[in-house]
Amino acid sequence: MLEALLGSINVERILIFLLCRDEGFAREIARFYNTDLSPIQNQLNKLEENSVLISKLSGRTRNYSFNPRYPFLLELRNLLDKALSFYPEKQTSTLLYNRRRPRRRNKP
Protein backbone atom coordinates (compact mmCIF):
# COMPACT_ATOMS: atom_id res chain seq x y z
CA MET A 1 0.00 0.00 0.00
CA LEU A 2 2.80 2.44 0.87
CA GLU A 3 5.31 0.84 -1.47
CA ALA A 4 5.14 3.76 -3.91
CA LEU A 5 5.88 6.27 -1.15
CA LEU A 6 8.54 4.31 0.67
CA GLY A 7 10.25 2.85 -2.39
CA SER A 8 10.13 -0.80 -1.34
CA ILE A 9 7.61 -3.33 -0.11
CA ASN A 10 10.18 -4.50 2.44
CA VAL A 11 10.44 -1.03 4.00
CA GLU A 12 6.66 -1.00 4.40
CA ARG A 13 6.74 -4.47 5.95
CA ILE A 14 9.48 -3.51 8.40
CA LEU A 15 7.82 -0.28 9.50
CA ILE A 16 4.38 -1.87 9.92
CA PHE A 17 5.90 -4.76 11.89
CA LEU A 18 7.77 -2.38 14.20
CA LEU A 19 4.70 -0.20 14.62
CA CYS A 20 2.68 -3.16 15.84
CA ARG A 21 5.32 -4.89 17.94
CA ASP A 22 7.58 -1.98 19.02
CA GLU A 23 10.74 -3.94 18.26
CA GLY A 24 11.94 -6.86 16.21
CA PHE A 25 14.93 -8.49 14.56
CA ALA A 26 15.60 -9.25 10.91
CA ARG A 27 14.94 -12.99 10.91
CA GLU A 28 11.71 -12.53 12.88
CA ILE A 29 10.42 -10.00 10.33
CA ALA A 30 11.48 -12.17 7.38
CA ARG A 31 9.78 -15.24 8.88
CA PHE A 32 6.60 -13.33 9.61
CA TYR A 33 6.26 -12.18 6.00
CA ASN A 34 7.70 -15.43 4.58
CA THR A 35 10.36 -13.61 2.59
CA ASP A 36 14.13 -13.73 2.16
CA LEU A 37 16.35 -12.46 4.95
CA SER A 38 18.91 -10.41 3.01
CA PRO A 39 16.51 -7.77 1.58
CA ILE A 40 15.08 -7.25 5.06
CA GLN A 41 18.58 -6.84 6.52
CA ASN A 42 19.55 -4.40 3.75
CA GLN A 43 16.49 -2.23 4.36
CA LEU A 44 17.00 -2.32 8.14
CA ASN A 45 20.57 -1.11 7.63
CA LYS A 46 19.40 1.73 5.36
CA LEU A 47 16.71 2.79 7.82
CA GLU A 48 19.24 2.77 10.65
CA GLU A 49 21.78 4.77 8.63
CA ASN A 50 19.12 7.40 7.99
CA SER A 51 18.19 7.54 11.71
CA VAL A 52 14.64 6.25 11.28
CA LEU A 53 15.46 3.18 13.36
CA ILE A 54 17.87 2.42 16.16
CA SER A 55 19.27 -0.96 17.11
CA LYS A 56 20.70 -2.61 20.17
CA LEU A 57 22.39 -5.91 20.66
CA SER A 58 20.69 -8.47 22.84
CA GLY A 59 23.18 -11.33 22.99
CA ARG A 60 23.99 -12.00 19.34
CA THR A 61 20.66 -10.64 18.10
CA ARG A 62 20.30 -7.07 16.85
CA ASN A 63 16.88 -5.70 17.83
CA TYR A 64 15.50 -2.74 15.92
CA SER A 65 12.97 -0.14 17.04
CA PHE A 66 11.89 3.35 16.05
CA ASN A 67 14.31 6.15 16.87
CA PRO A 68 12.54 8.39 19.41
CA ARG A 69 14.68 11.32 18.24
CA TYR A 70 13.62 11.01 14.60
CA PRO A 71 12.02 14.39 13.76
CA PHE A 72 9.13 12.96 11.74
CA LEU A 73 8.34 10.01 14.00
CA LEU A 74 4.86 11.21 14.95
CA GLU A 75 3.91 11.82 11.32
CA LEU A 76 5.39 8.47 10.25
CA ARG A 77 3.47 6.62 12.95
CA ASN A 78 0.23 8.38 11.93
CA LEU A 79 0.78 7.40 8.30
CA LEU A 80 1.50 3.79 9.26
CA ASP A 81 -1.55 3.67 11.54
CA LYS A 82 -3.72 4.87 8.67
CA ALA A 83 -2.23 2.28 6.31
CA LEU A 84 -2.70 -0.46 8.92
CA SER A 85 -6.39 0.37 9.16
CA PHE A 86 -6.74 -0.72 5.50
CA TYR A 87 -4.98 -4.06 5.99
CA PRO A 88 -7.14 -7.21 6.07
CA GLU A 89 -8.45 -8.10 9.53
CA LYS A 90 -6.60 -11.44 9.62
CA GLN A 91 -3.23 -9.86 8.87
CA THR A 92 -3.82 -7.06 11.37
CA SER A 93 -4.67 -9.52 14.14
CA THR A 94 -1.56 -11.62 13.48
CA LEU A 95 0.58 -8.49 13.48
CA LEU A 96 -0.85 -7.32 16.79
CA TYR A 97 -0.54 -10.75 18.46
CA ASN A 98 2.84 -10.45 20.11
CA ARG A 99 3.70 -13.51 22.18
CA ARG A 100 7.32 -13.27 23.31
CA ARG A 101 7.45 -15.46 26.39
CA PRO A 102 8.32 -19.13 26.01
CA ARG A 103 5.84 -21.78 27.03
CA ARG A 104 6.16 -23.43 30.41
CA ARG A 105 7.83 -26.84 30.39
CA ASN A 106 5.56 -29.86 30.08
CA LYS A 107 2.53 -27.70 29.42
CA PRO A 108 -0.12 -29.55 27.38
PDB file of N, CA and C in Angstrom:
ATOM      1  N   MET A   1       0.814  -1.190   0.000  1.00  0.00           N
ATOM      2  CA  MET A   1       0.000   0.000   0.000  1.00  0.00           C
ATOM      3  C   MET A   1       0.863   1.261   0.000  1.00  0.00           C
ATOM      4  N   LEU A   2       1.904   1.279   0.802  1.00  0.00           N
ATOM      5  CA  LEU A   2       2.804   2.436   0.873  1.00  0.00           C
ATOM      6  C   LEU A   2       4.075   2.237   0.066  1.00  0.00           C
ATOM      7  N   GLU A   3       4.103   1.182  -0.710  1.00  0.00           N
ATOM      8  CA  GLU A   3       5.308   0.844  -1.469  1.00  0.00           C
ATOM      9  C   GLU A   3       5.745   1.988  -2.373  1.00  0.00           C
ATOM     10  N   ALA A   4       4.796   2.662  -3.002  1.00  0.00           N
ATOM     11  CA  ALA A   4       5.140   3.759  -3.909  1.00  0.00           C
ATOM     12  C   ALA A   4       5.782   4.921  -3.152  1.00  0.00           C
ATOM     13  N   LEU A   5       5.309   5.183  -1.960  1.00  0.00           N
ATOM     14  CA  LEU A   5       5.875   6.272  -1.152  1.00  0.00           C
ATOM     15  C   LEU A   5       7.228   5.920  -0.560  1.00  0.00           C
ATOM     16  N   LEU A   6       7.344   4.719  -0.050  1.00  0.00           N
ATOM     17  CA  LEU A   6       8.539   4.314   0.670  1.00  0.00           C
ATOM     18  C   LEU A   6       9.623   3.728  -0.228  1.00  0.00           C
ATOM     19  N   GLY A   7       9.262   3.332  -1.435  1.00  0.00           N
ATOM     20  CA  GLY A   7      10.248   2.846  -2.389  1.00  0.00           C
ATOM     21  C   GLY A   7      10.453   1.350  -2.397  1.00  0.00           C
ATOM     22  N   SER A   8       9.925   0.644  -1.410  1.00  0.00           N
ATOM     23  CA  SER A   8      10.129  -0.800  -1.344  1.00  0.00           C
ATOM     24  C   SER A   8       9.043  -1.435  -0.490  1.00  0.00           C
ATOM     25  N   ILE A   9       8.594  -2.593  -0.904  1.00  0.00           N
ATOM     26  CA  ILE A   9       7.613  -3.330  -0.114  1.00  0.00           C
ATOM     27  C   ILE A   9       8.217  -3.776   1.211  1.00  0.00           C
ATOM     28  N   ASN A  10       9.528  -4.048   1.211  1.00  0.00           N
ATOM     29  CA  ASN A  10      10.182  -4.496   2.444  1.00  0.00           C
ATOM     30  C   ASN A  10      10.267  -3.385   3.482  1.00  0.00           C
ATOM     31  N   VAL A  11      10.429  -2.158   3.053  1.00  0.00           N
ATOM     32  CA  VAL A  11      10.436  -1.033   3.996  1.00  0.00           C
ATOM     33  C   VAL A  11       9.061  -0.921   4.653  1.00  0.00           C
ATOM     34  N   GLU A  12       8.020  -1.045   3.847  1.00  0.00           N
ATOM     35  CA  GLU A  12       6.663  -1.001   4.405  1.00  0.00           C
ATOM     36  C   GLU A  12       6.461  -2.126   5.401  1.00  0.00           C
ATOM     37  N   ARG A  13       6.891  -3.319   5.051  1.00  0.00           N
ATOM     38  CA  ARG A  13       6.736  -4.466   5.948  1.00  0.00           C
ATOM     39  C   ARG A  13       7.458  -4.242   7.264  1.00  0.00           C
ATOM     40  N   ILE A  14       8.682  -3.751   7.189  1.00  0.00           N
ATOM     41  CA  ILE A  14       9.479  -3.507   8.397  1.00  0.00           C
ATOM     42  C   ILE A  14       8.804  -2.478   9.287  1.00  0.00           C
ATOM     43  N   LEU A  15       8.399  -1.361   8.707  1.00  0.00           N
ATOM     44  CA  LEU A  15       7.815  -0.281   9.503  1.00  0.00           C
ATOM     45  C   LEU A  15       6.483  -0.682  10.118  1.00  0.00           C
ATOM     46  N   ILE A  16       5.660  -1.402   9.374  1.00  0.00           N
ATOM     47  CA  ILE A  16       4.377  -1.875   9.923  1.00  0.00           C
ATOM     48  C   ILE A  16       4.628  -2.873  11.050  1.00  0.00           C
ATOM     49  N   PHE A  17       5.572  -3.770  10.860  1.00  0.00           N
ATOM     50  CA  PHE A  17       5.903  -4.756  11.889  1.00  0.00           C
ATOM     51  C   PHE A  17       6.369  -4.060  13.169  1.00  0.00           C
ATOM     52  N   LEU A  18       7.260  -3.086  13.029  1.00  0.00           N
ATOM     53  CA  LEU A  18       7.770  -2.384  14.205  1.00  0.00           C
ATOM     54  C   LEU A  18       6.704  -1.502  14.848  1.00  0.00           C
ATOM     55  N   LEU A  19       5.796  -0.983  14.055  1.00  0.00           N
ATOM     56  CA  LEU A  19       4.697  -0.203  14.615  1.00  0.00           C
ATOM     57  C   LEU A  19       3.839  -1.066  15.521  1.00  0.00           C
ATOM     58  N   CYS A  20       3.555  -2.277  15.077  1.00  0.00           N
ATOM     59  CA  CYS A  20       2.679  -3.164  15.840  1.00  0.00           C
ATOM     60  C   CYS A  20       3.362  -3.817  17.029  1.00  0.00           C
ATOM     61  N   ARG A  21       4.635  -4.121  16.892  1.00  0.00           N
ATOM     62  CA  ARG A  21       5.317  -4.894  17.942  1.00  0.00           C
ATOM     63  C   ARG A  21       6.393  -4.123  18.691  1.00  0.00           C
ATOM     64  N   ASP A  22       6.617  -2.869  18.365  1.00  0.00           N
ATOM     65  CA  ASP A  22       7.579  -1.981  19.023  1.00  0.00           C
ATOM     66  C   ASP A  22       9.038  -2.319  18.749  1.00  0.00           C
ATOM     67  N   GLU A  23       9.377  -3.580  18.608  1.00  0.00           N
ATOM     68  CA  GLU A  23      10.743  -3.944  18.261  1.00  0.00           C
ATOM     69  C   GLU A  23      10.744  -5.307  17.584  1.00  0.00           C
ATOM     70  N   GLY A  24      11.837  -5.585  16.883  1.00  0.00           N
ATOM     71  CA  GLY A  24      11.942  -6.864  16.206  1.00  0.00           C
ATOM     72  C   GLY A  24      13.327  -7.019  15.606  1.00  0.00           C
ATOM     73  N   PHE A  25      13.646  -8.228  15.197  1.00  0.00           N
ATOM     74  CA  PHE A  25      14.935  -8.488  14.560  1.00  0.00           C
ATOM     75  C   PHE A  25      14.688  -9.010  13.158  1.00  0.00           C
ATOM     76  N   ALA A  26      15.732  -8.995  12.344  1.00  0.00           N
ATOM     77  CA  ALA A  26      15.604  -9.245  10.907  1.00  0.00           C
ATOM     78  C   ALA A  26      14.978 -10.599  10.606  1.00  0.00           C
ATOM     79  N   ARG A  27      15.451 -11.657  11.221  1.00  0.00           N
ATOM     80  CA  ARG A  27      14.938 -12.989  10.913  1.00  0.00           C
ATOM     81  C   ARG A  27      13.478 -13.122  11.325  1.00  0.00           C
ATOM     82  N   GLU A  28      13.104 -12.493  12.423  1.00  0.00           N
ATOM     83  CA  GLU A  28      11.714 -12.526  12.877  1.00  0.00           C
ATOM     84  C   GLU A  28      10.788 -11.851  11.855  1.00  0.00           C
ATOM     85  N   ILE A  29      11.210 -10.725  11.324  1.00  0.00           N
ATOM     86  CA  ILE A  29      10.416 -10.001  10.328  1.00  0.00           C
ATOM     87  C   ILE A  29      10.335 -10.816   9.040  1.00  0.00           C
ATOM     88  N   ALA A  30      11.461 -11.374   8.609  1.00  0.00           N
ATOM     89  CA  ALA A  30      11.480 -12.171   7.382  1.00  0.00           C
ATOM     90  C   ALA A  30      10.597 -13.411   7.521  1.00  0.00           C
ATOM     91  N   ARG A  31      10.627 -14.062   8.667  1.00  0.00           N
ATOM     92  CA  ARG A  31       9.780 -15.238   8.877  1.00  0.00           C
ATOM     93  C   ARG A  31       8.307 -14.867   8.882  1.00  0.00           C
ATOM     94  N   PHE A  32       7.991 -13.735   9.523  1.00  0.00           N
ATOM     95  CA  PHE A  32       6.595 -13.328   9.606  1.00  0.00           C
ATOM     96  C   PHE A  32       5.998 -13.116   8.216  1.00  0.00           C
ATOM     97  N   TYR A  33       6.747 -12.467   7.342  1.00  0.00           N
ATOM     98  CA  TYR A  33       6.262 -12.180   6.000  1.00  0.00           C
ATOM     99  C   TYR A  33       6.637 -13.265   4.990  1.00  0.00           C
ATOM    100  N   ASN A  34       7.304 -14.317   5.442  1.00  0.00           N
ATOM    101  CA  ASN A  34       7.698 -15.431   4.581  1.00  0.00           C
ATOM    102  C   ASN A  34       8.482 -14.933   3.367  1.00  0.00           C
ATOM    103  N   THR A  35       9.528 -14.180   3.639  1.00  0.00           N
ATOM    104  CA  THR A  35      10.363 -13.607   2.587  1.00  0.00           C
ATOM    105  C   THR A  35      11.828 -13.893   2.889  1.00  0.00           C
ATOM    106  N   ASP A  36      12.702 -13.521   1.973  1.00  0.00           N
ATOM    107  CA  ASP A  36      14.132 -13.727   2.163  1.00  0.00           C
ATOM    108  C   ASP A  36      14.687 -12.795   3.231  1.00  0.00           C
ATOM    109  N   LEU A  37      15.743 -13.214   3.862  1.00  0.00           N
ATOM    110  CA  LEU A  37      16.347 -12.462   4.949  1.00  0.00           C
ATOM    111  C   LEU A  37      17.174 -11.276   4.464  1.00  0.00           C
ATOM    112  N   SER A  38      17.963 -11.463   3.415  1.00  0.00           N
ATOM    113  CA  SER A  38      18.911 -10.411   3.011  1.00  0.00           C
ATOM    114  C   SER A  38      18.251  -9.092   2.602  1.00  0.00           C
ATOM    115  N   PRO A  39      17.128  -9.071   1.866  1.00  0.00           N
ATOM    116  CA  PRO A  39      16.510  -7.772   1.577  1.00  0.00           C
ATOM    117  C   PRO A  39      16.013  -7.061   2.835  1.00  0.00           C
ATOM    118  N   ILE A  40      15.531  -7.839   3.798  1.00  0.00           N
ATOM    119  CA  ILE A  40      15.077  -7.252   5.064  1.00  0.00           C
ATOM    120  C   ILE A  40      16.271  -6.638   5.798  1.00  0.00           C
ATOM    121  N   GLN A  41      17.386  -7.363   5.865  1.00  0.00           N
ATOM    122  CA  GLN A  41      18.584  -6.837   6.519  1.00  0.00           C
ATOM    123  C   GLN A  41      19.091  -5.578   5.828  1.00  0.00           C
ATOM    124  N   ASN A  42      19.084  -5.578   4.493  1.00  0.00           N
ATOM    125  CA  ASN A  42      19.547  -4.397   3.753  1.00  0.00           C
ATOM    126  C   ASN A  42      18.684  -3.181   4.058  1.00  0.00           C
ATOM    127  N   GLN A  43      17.382  -3.357   4.083  1.00  0.00           N
ATOM    128  CA  GLN A  43      16.489  -2.230   4.362  1.00  0.00           C
ATOM    129  C   GLN A  43      16.610  -1.774   5.819  1.00  0.00           C
ATOM    130  N   LEU A  44      16.787  -2.707   6.738  1.00  0.00           N
ATOM    131  CA  LEU A  44      16.999  -2.323   8.144  1.00  0.00           C
ATOM    132  C   LEU A  44      18.267  -1.484   8.283  1.00  0.00           C
ATOM    133  N   ASN A  45      19.320  -1.876   7.587  1.00  0.00           N
ATOM    134  CA  ASN A  45      20.570  -1.112   7.630  1.00  0.00           C
ATOM    135  C   ASN A  45      20.375   0.290   7.065  1.00  0.00           C
ATOM    136  N   LYS A  46      19.655   0.407   5.948  1.00  0.00           N
ATOM    137  CA  LYS A  46      19.398   1.728   5.360  1.00  0.00           C
ATOM    138  C   LYS A  46      18.573   2.607   6.293  1.00  0.00           C
ATOM    139  N   LEU A  47      17.546   2.016   6.900  1.00  0.00           N
ATOM    140  CA  LEU A  47      16.714   2.793   7.819  1.00  0.00           C
ATOM    141  C   LEU A  47      17.497   3.230   9.053  1.00  0.00           C
ATOM    142  N   GLU A  48      18.411   2.390   9.499  1.00  0.00           N
ATOM    143  CA  GLU A  48      19.239   2.766  10.648  1.00  0.00           C
ATOM    144  C   GLU A  48      20.247   3.844  10.268  1.00  0.00           C
ATOM    145  N   GLU A  49      20.838   3.748   9.089  1.00  0.00           N
ATOM    146  CA  GLU A  49      21.783   4.770   8.629  1.00  0.00           C
ATOM    147  C   GLU A  49      21.122   6.134   8.509  1.00  0.00           C
ATOM    148  N   ASN A  50      19.846   6.150   8.145  1.00  0.00           N
ATOM    149  CA  ASN A  50      19.116   7.404   7.988  1.00  0.00           C
ATOM    150  C   ASN A  50      18.375   7.822   9.259  1.00  0.00           C
ATOM    151  N   SER A  51      18.685   7.190  10.370  1.00  0.00           N
ATOM    152  CA  SER A  51      18.188   7.542  11.707  1.00  0.00           C
ATOM    153  C   SER A  51      16.693   7.344  11.906  1.00  0.00           C
ATOM    154  N   VAL A  52      16.051   6.561  11.061  1.00  0.00           N
ATOM    155  CA  VAL A  52      14.639   6.253  11.279  1.00  0.00           C
ATOM    156  C   VAL A  52      14.516   5.202  12.373  1.00  0.00           C
ATOM    157  N   LEU A  53      15.456   4.258  12.378  1.00  0.00           N
ATOM    158  CA  LEU A  53      15.464   3.183  13.362  1.00  0.00           C
ATOM    159  C   LEU A  53      16.743   3.232  14.185  1.00  0.00           C
ATOM    160  N   ILE A  54      16.678   2.643  15.356  1.00  0.00           N
ATOM    161  CA  ILE A  54      17.873   2.420  16.164  1.00  0.00           C
ATOM    162  C   ILE A  54      17.950   0.923  16.446  1.00  0.00           C
ATOM    163  N   SER A  55      19.126   0.459  16.794  1.00  0.00           N
ATOM    164  CA  SER A  55      19.272  -0.960  17.105  1.00  0.00           C
ATOM    165  C   SER A  55      20.091  -1.117  18.373  1.00  0.00           C
ATOM    166  N   LYS A  56      19.894  -2.251  19.006  1.00  0.00           N
ATOM    167  CA  LYS A  56      20.696  -2.606  20.172  1.00  0.00           C
ATOM    168  C   LYS A  56      20.922  -4.097  20.140  1.00  0.00           C
ATOM    169  N   LEU A  57      22.066  -4.501  20.618  1.00  0.00           N
ATOM    170  CA  LEU A  57      22.391  -5.915  20.659  1.00  0.00           C
ATOM    171  C   LEU A  57      21.808  -6.534  21.914  1.00  0.00           C
ATOM    172  N   SER A  58      21.209  -7.692  21.738  1.00  0.00           N
ATOM    173  CA  SER A  58      20.690  -8.471  22.839  1.00  0.00           C
ATOM    174  C   SER A  58      21.277  -9.868  22.656  1.00  0.00           C
ATOM    175  N   GLY A  59      22.428 -10.108  23.268  1.00  0.00           N
ATOM    176  CA  GLY A  59      23.180 -11.328  22.988  1.00  0.00           C
ATOM    177  C   GLY A  59      23.813 -11.187  21.619  1.00  0.00           C
ATOM    178  N   ARG A  60      23.486 -12.103  20.711  1.00  0.00           N
ATOM    179  CA  ARG A  60      23.987 -12.003  19.335  1.00  0.00           C
ATOM    180  C   ARG A  60      22.925 -11.472  18.382  1.00  0.00           C
ATOM    181  N   THR A  61      21.774 -11.098  18.922  1.00  0.00           N
ATOM    182  CA  THR A  61      20.656 -10.644  18.104  1.00  0.00           C
ATOM    183  C   THR A  61      20.585  -9.123  18.131  1.00  0.00           C
ATOM    184  N   ARG A  62      20.434  -8.518  16.961  1.00  0.00           N
ATOM    185  CA  ARG A  62      20.297  -7.067  16.854  1.00  0.00           C
ATOM    186  C   ARG A  62      18.814  -6.730  16.748  1.00  0.00           C
ATOM    187  N   ASN A  63      18.277  -6.108  17.802  1.00  0.00           N
ATOM    188  CA  ASN A  63      16.878  -5.699  17.834  1.00  0.00           C
ATOM    189  C   ASN A  63      16.743  -4.274  17.328  1.00  0.00           C
ATOM    190  N   TYR A  64      15.741  -4.044  16.491  1.00  0.00           N
ATOM    191  CA  TYR A  64      15.498  -2.735  15.916  1.00  0.00           C
ATOM    192  C   TYR A  64      14.207  -2.165  16.483  1.00  0.00           C
ATOM    193  N   SER A  65      14.187  -0.842  16.622  1.00  0.00           N
ATOM    194  CA  SER A  65      12.975  -0.138  17.039  1.00  0.00           C
ATOM    195  C   SER A  65      13.027   1.271  16.449  1.00  0.00           C
ATOM    196  N   PHE A  66      11.920   1.990  16.565  1.00  0.00           N
ATOM    197  CA  PHE A  66      11.894   3.353  16.052  1.00  0.00           C
ATOM    198  C   PHE A  66      12.807   4.249  16.875  1.00  0.00           C
ATOM    199  N   ASN A  67      13.444   5.182  16.210  1.00  0.00           N
ATOM    200  CA  ASN A  67      14.312   6.149  16.867  1.00  0.00           C
ATOM    201  C   ASN A  67      13.433   7.238  17.472  1.00  0.00           C
ATOM    202  N   PRO A  68      13.398   7.372  18.803  1.00  0.00           N
ATOM    203  CA  PRO A  68      12.535   8.394  19.413  1.00  0.00           C
ATOM    204  C   PRO A  68      12.968   9.817  19.073  1.00  0.00           C
ATOM    205  N   ARG A  69      14.186   9.989  18.603  1.00  0.00           N
ATOM    206  CA  ARG A  69      14.679  11.324  18.238  1.00  0.00           C
ATOM    207  C   ARG A  69      14.467  11.658  16.767  1.00  0.00           C
ATOM    208  N   TYR A  70      13.883  10.752  16.013  1.00  0.00           N
ATOM    209  CA  TYR A  70      13.617  11.011  14.596  1.00  0.00           C
ATOM    210  C   TYR A  70      12.586  12.135  14.499  1.00  0.00           C
ATOM    211  N   PRO A  71      12.892  13.212  13.752  1.00  0.00           N
ATOM    212  CA  PRO A  71      12.018  14.389  13.764  1.00  0.00           C
ATOM    213  C   PRO A  71      10.612  14.153  13.210  1.00  0.00           C
ATOM    214  N   PHE A  72      10.432  13.199  12.329  1.00  0.00           N
ATOM    215  CA  PHE A  72       9.127  12.962  11.735  1.00  0.00           C
ATOM    216  C   PHE A  72       8.473  11.684  12.260  1.00  0.00           C
ATOM    217  N   LEU A  73       8.841  11.269  13.451  1.00  0.00           N
ATOM    218  CA  LEU A  73       8.338  10.014  13.998  1.00  0.00           C
ATOM    219  C   LEU A  73       6.824  10.046  14.188  1.00  0.00           C
ATOM    220  N   LEU A  74       6.303  11.114  14.720  1.00  0.00           N
ATOM    221  CA  LEU A  74       4.859  11.214  14.946  1.00  0.00           C
ATOM    222  C   LEU A  74       4.098  11.125  13.625  1.00  0.00           C
ATOM    223  N   GLU A  75       4.565  11.846  12.615  1.00  0.00           N
ATOM    224  CA  GLU A  75       3.909  11.818  11.315  1.00  0.00           C
ATOM    225  C   GLU A  75       4.020  10.436  10.661  1.00  0.00           C
ATOM    226  N   LEU A  76       5.191   9.806  10.804  1.00  0.00           N
ATOM    227  CA  LEU A  76       5.391   8.470  10.249  1.00  0.00           C
ATOM    228  C   LEU A  76       4.463   7.468  10.917  1.00  0.00           C
ATOM    229  N   ARG A  77       4.361   7.532  12.229  1.00  0.00           N
ATOM    230  CA  ARG A  77       3.469   6.623  12.951  1.00  0.00           C
ATOM    231  C   ARG A  77       2.009   6.833  12.537  1.00  0.00           C
ATOM    232  N   ASN A  78       1.600   8.095  12.363  1.00  0.00           N
ATOM    233  CA  ASN A  78       0.231   8.376  11.931  1.00  0.00           C
ATOM    234  C   ASN A  78      -0.040   7.806  10.542  1.00  0.00           C
ATOM    235  N   LEU A  79       0.919   7.947   9.644  1.00  0.00           N
ATOM    236  CA  LEU A  79       0.782   7.400   8.297  1.00  0.00           C
ATOM    237  C   LEU A  79       0.683   5.878   8.336  1.00  0.00           C
ATOM    238  N   LEU A  80       1.526   5.249   9.143  1.00  0.00           N
ATOM    239  CA  LEU A  80       1.504   3.791   9.257  1.00  0.00           C
ATOM    240  C   LEU A  80       0.219   3.295   9.916  1.00  0.00           C
ATOM    241  N   ASP A  81      -0.276   4.030  10.915  1.00  0.00           N
ATOM    242  CA  ASP A  81      -1.554   3.675  11.542  1.00  0.00           C
ATOM    243  C   ASP A  81      -2.688   3.707  10.527  1.00  0.00           C
ATOM    244  N   LYS A  82      -2.687   4.734   9.701  1.00  0.00           N
ATOM    245  CA  LYS A  82      -3.722   4.869   8.674  1.00  0.00           C
ATOM    246  C   LYS A  82      -3.628   3.720   7.671  1.00  0.00           C
ATOM    247  N   ALA A  83      -2.412   3.381   7.251  1.00  0.00           N
ATOM    248  CA  ALA A  83      -2.229   2.278   6.314  1.00  0.00           C
ATOM    249  C   ALA A  83      -2.646   0.957   6.949  1.00  0.00           C
ATOM    250  N   LEU A  84      -2.336   0.770   8.229  1.00  0.00           N
ATOM    251  CA  LEU A  84      -2.697  -0.462   8.925  1.00  0.00           C
ATOM    252  C   LEU A  84      -4.208  -0.633   9.015  1.00  0.00           C
ATOM    253  N   SER A  85      -4.932   0.459   9.081  1.00  0.00           N
ATOM    254  CA  SER A  85      -6.393   0.370   9.156  1.00  0.00           C
ATOM    255  C   SER A  85      -6.994  -0.202   7.869  1.00  0.00           C
ATOM    256  N   PHE A  86      -6.260  -0.169   6.757  1.00  0.00           N
ATOM    257  CA  PHE A  86      -6.742  -0.717   5.497  1.00  0.00           C
ATOM    258  C   PHE A  86      -6.251  -2.143   5.245  1.00  0.00           C
ATOM    259  N   TYR A  87      -5.446  -2.682   6.137  1.00  0.00           N
ATOM    260  CA  TYR A  87      -4.977  -4.056   5.995  1.00  0.00           C
ATOM    261  C   TYR A  87      -6.138  -5.007   6.300  1.00  0.00           C
ATOM    262  N   PRO A  88      -6.091  -6.227   5.744  1.00  0.00           N
ATOM    263  CA  PRO A  88      -7.135  -7.207   6.069  1.00  0.00           C
ATOM    264  C   PRO A  88      -7.122  -7.532   7.570  1.00  0.00           C
ATOM    265  N   GLU A  89      -8.294  -7.838   8.091  1.00  0.00           N
ATOM    266  CA  GLU A  89      -8.449  -8.104   9.526  1.00  0.00           C
ATOM    267  C   GLU A  89      -7.542  -9.229  10.012  1.00  0.00           C
ATOM    268  N   LYS A  90      -7.422 -10.287   9.219  1.00  0.00           N
ATOM    269  CA  LYS A  90      -6.604 -11.436   9.623  1.00  0.00           C
ATOM    270  C   LYS A  90      -5.137 -11.042   9.765  1.00  0.00           C
ATOM    271  N   GLN A  91      -4.623 -10.276   8.807  1.00  0.00           N
ATOM    272  CA  GLN A  91      -3.225  -9.864   8.865  1.00  0.00           C
ATOM    273  C   GLN A  91      -2.993  -8.889  10.020  1.00  0.00           C
ATOM    274  N   THR A  92      -3.939  -8.006  10.263  1.00  0.00           N
ATOM    275  CA  THR A  92      -3.822  -7.064  11.374  1.00  0.00           C
ATOM    276  C   THR A  92      -3.788  -7.795  12.707  1.00  0.00           C
ATOM    277  N   SER A  93      -4.651  -8.792  12.864  1.00  0.00           N
ATOM    278  CA  SER A  93      -4.675  -9.520  14.138  1.00  0.00           C
ATOM    279  C   SER A  93      -3.395 -10.313  14.362  1.00  0.00           C
ATOM    280  N   THR A  94      -2.816 -10.895  13.299  1.00  0.00           N
ATOM    281  CA  THR A  94      -1.559 -11.623  13.483  1.00  0.00           C
ATOM    282  C   THR A  94      -0.400 -10.671  13.761  1.00  0.00           C
ATOM    283  N   LEU A  95      -0.459  -9.481  13.192  1.00  0.00           N
ATOM    284  CA  LEU A  95       0.576  -8.492  13.484  1.00  0.00           C
ATOM    285  C   LEU A  95       0.517  -8.037  14.936  1.00  0.00           C
ATOM    286  N   LEU A  96      -0.680  -7.840  15.437  1.00  0.00           N
ATOM    287  CA  LEU A  96      -0.845  -7.318  16.792  1.00  0.00           C
ATOM    288  C   LEU A  96      -0.677  -8.383  17.867  1.00  0.00           C
ATOM    289  N   TYR A  97      -0.742  -9.670  17.490  1.00  0.00           N
ATOM    290  CA  TYR A  97      -0.540 -10.747  18.461  1.00  0.00           C
ATOM    291  C   TYR A  97       0.955 -10.906  18.686  1.00  0.00           C
ATOM    292  N   ASN A  98       1.410 -10.502  19.846  1.00  0.00           N
ATOM    293  CA  ASN A  98       2.842 -10.446  20.114  1.00  0.00           C
ATOM    294  C   ASN A  98       3.175 -11.313  21.322  1.00  0.00           C
ATOM    295  N   ARG A  99       3.371 -12.583  21.089  1.00  0.00           N
ATOM    296  CA  ARG A  99       3.704 -13.506  22.184  1.00  0.00           C
ATOM    297  C   ARG A  99       5.214 -13.704  22.205  1.00  0.00           C
ATOM    298  N   ARG A 100       5.863 -13.203  23.216  1.00  0.00           N
ATOM    299  CA  ARG A 100       7.319 -13.265  23.311  1.00  0.00           C
ATOM    300  C   ARG A 100       7.813 -14.252  24.360  1.00  0.00           C
ATOM    301  N   ARG A 101       6.992 -14.574  25.343  1.00  0.00           N
ATOM    302  CA  ARG A 101       7.452 -15.463  26.388  1.00  0.00           C
ATOM    303  C   ARG A 101       7.415 -16.899  25.928  1.00  0.00           C
ATOM    304  N   PRO A 102       8.368 -17.699  26.363  1.00  0.00           N
ATOM    305  CA  PRO A 102       8.324 -19.133  26.012  1.00  0.00           C
ATOM    306  C   PRO A 102       7.253 -19.851  26.816  1.00  0.00           C
ATOM    307  N   ARG A 103       6.834 -20.969  26.312  1.00  0.00           N
ATOM    308  CA  ARG A 103       5.840 -21.782  27.026  1.00  0.00           C
ATOM    309  C   ARG A 103       6.475 -22.470  28.212  1.00  0.00           C
ATOM    310  N   ARG A 104       5.681 -22.715  29.234  1.00  0.00           N
ATOM    311  CA  ARG A 104       6.155 -23.433  30.409  1.00  0.00           C
ATOM    312  C   ARG A 104       6.461 -24.872  30.036  1.00  0.00           C
ATOM    313  N   ARG A 105       7.470 -25.450  30.662  1.00  0.00           N
ATOM    314  CA  ARG A 105       7.828 -26.837  30.391  1.00  0.00           C
ATOM    315  C   ARG A 105       6.677 -27.774  30.707  1.00  0.00           C
ATOM    316  N   ASN A 106       6.561 -28.804  29.885  1.00  0.00           N
ATOM    317  CA  ASN A 106       5.556 -29.859  30.078  1.00  0.00           C
ATOM    318  C   ASN A 106       4.125 -29.354  30.070  1.00  0.00           C
ATOM    319  N   LYS A 107       3.882 -28.214  29.498  1.00  0.00           N
ATOM    320  CA  LYS A 107       2.533 -27.702  29.425  1.00  0.00           C
ATOM    321  C   LYS A 107       1.815 -28.378  28.252  1.00  0.00           C
ATOM    322  N   PRO A 108       0.596 -28.865  28.470  1.00  0.00           N
ATOM    323  CA  PRO A 108      -0.118 -29.553  27.381  1.00  0.00           C
ATOM    324  C   PRO A 108      -0.539 -28.583  26.275  1.00  0.00           C
TER     325      PRO A 108
END
